[in-house]
Amino acid sequence: MTPSITLGGRDFAVSAFTFDQLQRILPAFARLRLGLADGGLDAARDIIAAALDGQIAADELAGMRVTLGEILAAIPTIAEASGLTQVGEALAGTERS
């Protein structure tokens, strides 16, 4: 079963990503650790926009009425689909020793 996220009452499939999408998503996960009030909401939007590339236009996504709950529920699904198996790993960044 393909995972999905819900935004504005609409369901969107989230599947494996292209290299381009991963290049956009991974740095945004690192920025997400700043917290929603300190740029994290922009990071969440970047993550969702990259994940939904091809399913919804950026301007449509920007104007969509969404809840914070929908945004916060979407992030772990996208993290898992991108290969970041734990949200904690995503929020801590992707640096490895």
N, C-alpha and C. Protein backbone atom coordinates (compact mmCIF):
# COMPACT_ATOMS: atom_id res chain seq x y z
N MET A 1 0.83 -1.18 0.00
CA MET A 1 0.00 0.00 0.00
C MET A 1 0.88 1.24 0.00
N THR A 2 0.59 2.16 -0.88
CA THR A 2 1.34 3.41 -0.97
C THR A 2 0.90 4.33 0.15
N PRO A 3 1.86 4.88 0.91
CA PRO A 3 1.48 5.82 1.97
C PRO A 3 0.90 7.10 1.37
N SER A 4 0.11 7.78 2.16
CA SER A 4 -0.48 9.04 1.69
C SER A 4 -0.51 10.05 2.82
N ILE A 5 -0.63 11.30 2.42
CA ILE A 5 -0.82 12.39 3.38
C ILE A 5 -2.10 13.12 3.00
N THR A 6 -2.68 13.80 3.97
CA THR A 6 -3.90 14.57 3.74
C THR A 6 -3.61 16.03 4.01
N LEU A 7 -3.92 16.87 3.05
CA LEU A 7 -3.77 18.32 3.19
C LEU A 7 -5.02 18.98 2.63
N GLY A 8 -5.60 19.86 3.39
CA GLY A 8 -6.80 20.55 2.92
C GLY A 8 -7.92 19.59 2.59
N GLY A 9 -7.96 18.46 3.28
CA GLY A 9 -8.99 17.47 3.04
C GLY A 9 -8.76 16.61 1.81
N ARG A 10 -7.64 16.80 1.13
CA ARG A 10 -7.30 16.00 -0.05
C ARG A 10 -6.19 15.03 0.28
N ASP A 11 -6.27 13.83 -0.27
CA ASP A 11 -5.24 12.82 -0.06
C ASP A 11 -4.25 12.85 -1.22
N PHE A 12 -2.97 12.72 -0.87
CA PHE A 12 -1.89 12.70 -1.85
C PHE A 12 -1.01 11.48 -1.57
N ALA A 13 -0.68 10.74 -2.62
CA ALA A 13 0.21 9.59 -2.48
C ALA A 13 1.64 10.08 -2.27
N VAL A 14 2.36 9.37 -1.41
CA VAL A 14 3.77 9.67 -1.15
C VAL A 14 4.55 8.38 -1.40
N SER A 15 5.36 8.39 -2.45
CA SER A 15 6.11 7.18 -2.79
C SER A 15 7.59 7.52 -2.89
N ALA A 16 8.36 6.60 -3.43
CA ALA A 16 9.80 6.82 -3.57
C ALA A 16 10.05 8.13 -4.32
N PHE A 17 11.15 8.78 -3.96
CA PHE A 17 11.44 10.09 -4.52
C PHE A 17 12.55 10.03 -5.56
N THR A 18 12.56 11.02 -6.43
CA THR A 18 13.65 11.18 -7.38
C THR A 18 14.85 11.77 -6.64
N PHE A 19 16.02 11.72 -7.26
CA PHE A 19 17.20 12.35 -6.66
C PHE A 19 16.96 13.83 -6.44
N ASP A 20 16.31 14.49 -7.40
CA ASP A 20 16.03 15.92 -7.26
C ASP A 20 15.16 16.20 -6.05
N GLN A 21 14.12 15.39 -5.86
CA GLN A 21 13.26 15.58 -4.69
C GLN A 21 14.05 15.38 -3.40
N LEU A 22 14.90 14.34 -3.36
CA LEU A 22 15.70 14.10 -2.15
C LEU A 22 16.66 15.25 -1.88
N GLN A 23 17.23 15.83 -2.93
CA GLN A 23 18.12 16.98 -2.74
C GLN A 23 17.38 18.15 -2.12
N ARG A 24 16.11 18.29 -2.40
CA ARG A 24 15.30 19.37 -1.83
C ARG A 24 14.79 19.02 -0.43
N ILE A 25 14.46 17.75 -0.21
CA ILE A 25 13.86 17.33 1.05
C ILE A 25 14.87 17.25 2.19
N LEU A 26 16.01 16.64 1.96
CA LEU A 26 16.94 16.38 3.06
C LEU A 26 17.45 17.65 3.76
N PRO A 27 17.87 18.69 3.03
CA PRO A 27 18.26 19.91 3.74
C PRO A 27 17.10 20.56 4.50
N ALA A 28 15.90 20.41 3.98
CA ALA A 28 14.73 20.98 4.66
C ALA A 28 14.47 20.25 5.98
N PHE A 29 14.72 18.93 6.02
CA PHE A 29 14.59 18.22 7.29
C PHE A 29 15.59 18.75 8.31
N ALA A 30 16.79 19.07 7.87
CA ALA A 30 17.79 19.63 8.78
C ALA A 30 17.32 20.98 9.33
N ARG A 31 16.67 21.79 8.48
CA ARG A 31 16.15 23.10 8.92
C ARG A 31 14.94 22.94 9.84
N LEU A 32 14.22 21.86 9.70
CA LEU A 32 13.01 21.64 10.49
C LEU A 32 13.32 21.59 11.98
N ARG A 33 14.51 21.16 12.34
CA ARG A 33 14.87 21.05 13.76
C ARG A 33 14.92 22.40 14.47
N LEU A 34 14.87 23.50 13.72
CA LEU A 34 14.87 24.82 14.33
C LEU A 34 13.57 25.11 15.07
N GLY A 35 12.55 24.37 14.76
CA GLY A 35 11.24 24.59 15.37
C GLY A 35 10.34 25.34 14.42
N LEU A 36 9.06 25.15 14.55
CA LEU A 36 8.10 25.75 13.61
C LEU A 36 8.14 27.27 13.62
N ALA A 37 8.36 27.87 14.76
CA ALA A 37 8.35 29.33 14.85
C ALA A 37 9.61 29.96 14.28
N ASP A 38 10.67 29.21 14.16
CA ASP A 38 11.96 29.76 13.72
C ASP A 38 12.38 29.23 12.36
N GLY A 39 11.47 29.22 11.42
CA GLY A 39 11.79 28.77 10.07
C GLY A 39 11.39 27.34 9.79
N GLY A 40 10.97 26.63 10.81
CA GLY A 40 10.58 25.24 10.61
C GLY A 40 9.33 25.08 9.77
N LEU A 41 8.43 26.04 9.85
CA LEU A 41 7.22 25.94 9.04
C LEU A 41 7.57 26.09 7.56
N ASP A 42 8.52 26.98 7.25
CA ASP A 42 9.00 27.09 5.86
C ASP A 42 9.65 25.78 5.43
N ALA A 43 10.41 25.18 6.32
CA ALA A 43 11.05 23.89 6.02
C ALA A 43 9.99 22.82 5.77
N ALA A 44 8.95 22.80 6.59
CA ALA A 44 7.87 21.83 6.41
C ALA A 44 7.19 22.03 5.05
N ARG A 45 6.98 23.28 4.68
CA ARG A 45 6.38 23.56 3.36
C ARG A 45 7.30 23.07 2.24
N ASP A 46 8.61 23.30 2.38
CA ASP A 46 9.55 22.84 1.37
C ASP A 46 9.54 21.32 1.25
N ILE A 47 9.46 20.64 2.40
CA ILE A 47 9.42 19.17 2.41
C ILE A 47 8.16 18.68 1.70
N ILE A 48 7.03 19.25 2.06
CA ILE A 48 5.76 18.82 1.46
C ILE A 48 5.72 19.15 -0.02
N ALA A 49 6.19 20.35 -0.40
CA ALA A 49 6.19 20.73 -1.82
C ALA A 49 7.05 19.79 -2.64
N ALA A 50 8.22 19.44 -2.13
CA ALA A 50 9.09 18.52 -2.85
C ALA A 50 8.46 17.13 -2.95
N ALA A 51 7.84 16.68 -1.88
CA ALA A 51 7.22 15.36 -1.87
C ALA A 51 6.05 15.27 -2.84
N LEU A 52 5.35 16.37 -3.02
CA LEU A 52 4.16 16.37 -3.88
C LEU A 52 4.44 16.92 -5.26
N ASP A 53 5.71 17.13 -5.59
CA ASP A 53 6.08 17.65 -6.91
C ASP A 53 5.46 16.78 -7.99
N GLY A 54 4.74 17.41 -8.90
CA GLY A 54 4.06 16.68 -9.97
C GLY A 54 2.62 16.35 -9.65
N GLN A 55 2.24 16.44 -8.38
CA GLN A 55 0.85 16.16 -8.00
C GLN A 55 0.04 17.43 -7.78
N ILE A 56 0.74 18.50 -7.42
CA ILE A 56 0.07 19.77 -7.14
C ILE A 56 1.04 20.90 -7.45
N ALA A 57 0.55 21.95 -8.05
CA ALA A 57 1.40 23.10 -8.38
C ALA A 57 1.79 23.83 -7.11
N ALA A 58 2.98 24.40 -7.10
CA ALA A 58 3.49 25.09 -5.92
C ALA A 58 2.56 26.22 -5.48
N ASP A 59 2.01 26.98 -6.42
CA ASP A 59 1.12 28.08 -6.03
C ASP A 59 -0.20 27.55 -5.47
N GLU A 60 -0.67 26.42 -5.96
CA GLU A 60 -1.89 25.82 -5.40
C GLU A 60 -1.64 25.33 -3.98
N LEU A 61 -0.47 24.70 -3.77
CA LEU A 61 -0.12 24.25 -2.42
C LEU A 61 0.00 25.43 -1.47
N ALA A 62 0.63 26.51 -1.92
CA ALA A 62 0.82 27.70 -1.08
C ALA A 62 -0.51 28.32 -0.66
N GLY A 63 -1.51 28.24 -1.52
CA GLY A 63 -2.81 28.82 -1.21
C GLY A 63 -3.80 27.86 -0.57
N MET A 64 -3.38 26.62 -0.37
CA MET A 64 -4.27 25.61 0.19
C MET A 64 -4.54 25.88 1.67
N ARG A 65 -5.77 25.71 2.07
CA ARG A 65 -6.14 25.84 3.49
C ARG A 65 -5.84 24.51 4.17
N VAL A 66 -4.87 24.53 5.08
CA VAL A 66 -4.44 23.32 5.78
C VAL A 66 -4.42 23.59 7.27
N THR A 67 -4.43 22.53 8.03
CA THR A 67 -4.30 22.67 9.47
C THR A 67 -2.88 22.32 9.88
N LEU A 68 -2.47 22.83 11.01
CA LEU A 68 -1.16 22.49 11.54
C LEU A 68 -1.07 20.99 11.80
N GLY A 69 -2.17 20.41 12.22
CA GLY A 69 -2.20 18.97 12.44
C GLY A 69 -1.92 18.18 11.18
N GLU A 70 -2.48 18.63 10.05
CA GLU A 70 -2.22 17.96 8.78
C GLU A 70 -0.74 18.06 8.41
N ILE A 71 -0.16 19.23 8.62
CA ILE A 71 1.26 19.43 8.30
C ILE A 71 2.12 18.52 9.17
N LEU A 72 1.84 18.52 10.46
CA LEU A 72 2.65 17.71 11.37
C LEU A 72 2.47 16.22 11.13
N ALA A 73 1.30 15.80 10.69
CA ALA A 73 1.07 14.39 10.37
C ALA A 73 1.76 13.99 9.06
N ALA A 74 1.92 14.93 8.15
CA ALA A 74 2.54 14.62 6.86
C ALA A 74 4.04 14.37 6.98
N ILE A 75 4.71 15.07 7.89
CA ILE A 75 6.17 15.00 7.97
C ILE A 75 6.70 13.59 8.24
N PRO A 76 6.17 12.85 9.22
CA PRO A 76 6.70 11.49 9.43
C PRO A 76 6.48 10.56 8.24
N THR A 77 5.36 10.71 7.54
CA THR A 77 5.09 9.89 6.37
C THR A 77 6.11 10.17 5.28
N ILE A 78 6.42 11.44 5.07
CA ILE A 78 7.40 11.83 4.07
C ILE A 78 8.79 11.37 4.50
N ALA A 79 9.10 11.50 5.79
CA ALA A 79 10.40 11.06 6.29
C ALA A 79 10.60 9.58 6.01
N GLU A 80 9.59 8.78 6.27
CA GLU A 80 9.70 7.34 6.03
C GLU A 80 9.85 7.04 4.55
N ALA A 81 9.04 7.71 3.72
CA ALA A 81 9.11 7.47 2.27
C ALA A 81 10.45 7.90 1.69
N SER A 82 11.10 8.89 2.32
CA SER A 82 12.39 9.37 1.80
C SER A 82 13.56 8.52 2.28
N GLY A 83 13.28 7.58 3.18
CA GLY A 83 14.34 6.73 3.69
C GLY A 83 14.80 7.10 5.08
N LEU A 84 14.33 8.18 5.61
CA LEU A 84 14.61 8.54 6.99
C LEU A 84 13.59 7.78 7.83
N THR A 85 14.03 6.71 8.45
CA THR A 85 13.09 5.79 9.07
C THR A 85 12.52 6.27 10.39
N GLN A 86 13.16 7.26 11.00
CA GLN A 86 12.66 7.77 12.26
C GLN A 86 12.57 9.29 12.17
N VAL A 87 11.47 9.83 12.62
CA VAL A 87 11.32 11.28 12.60
C VAL A 87 12.42 11.95 13.42
N GLY A 88 12.83 11.33 14.50
CA GLY A 88 13.91 11.89 15.32
C GLY A 88 15.18 12.06 14.52
N GLU A 89 15.48 11.12 13.65
CA GLU A 89 16.66 11.23 12.79
C GLU A 89 16.49 12.41 11.83
N ALA A 90 15.29 12.57 11.30
CA ALA A 90 15.04 13.67 10.39
C ALA A 90 15.17 15.02 11.10
N LEU A 91 14.61 15.10 12.29
CA LEU A 91 14.67 16.37 13.02
C LEU A 91 16.08 16.69 13.50
N ALA A 92 16.90 15.68 13.72
CA ALA A 92 18.28 15.89 14.14
C ALA A 92 19.20 16.18 12.96
N GLY A 93 18.71 16.09 11.74
CA GLY A 93 19.52 16.26 10.55
C GLY A 93 19.97 14.90 10.05
N THR A 94 20.71 14.92 8.99
CA THR A 94 21.12 13.66 8.38
C THR A 94 22.62 13.45 8.47
N GLU A 95 23.30 14.21 9.33
CA GLU A 95 24.73 14.04 9.47
C GLU A 95 25.05 12.71 10.11
N ARG A 96 26.09 12.07 9.65
CA ARG A 96 26.55 10.81 10.23
C ARG A 96 28.05 10.89 10.40
N SER A 97 28.53 10.22 11.42
CA SER A 97 29.96 10.22 11.67
C SER A 97 30.66 9.22 10.79
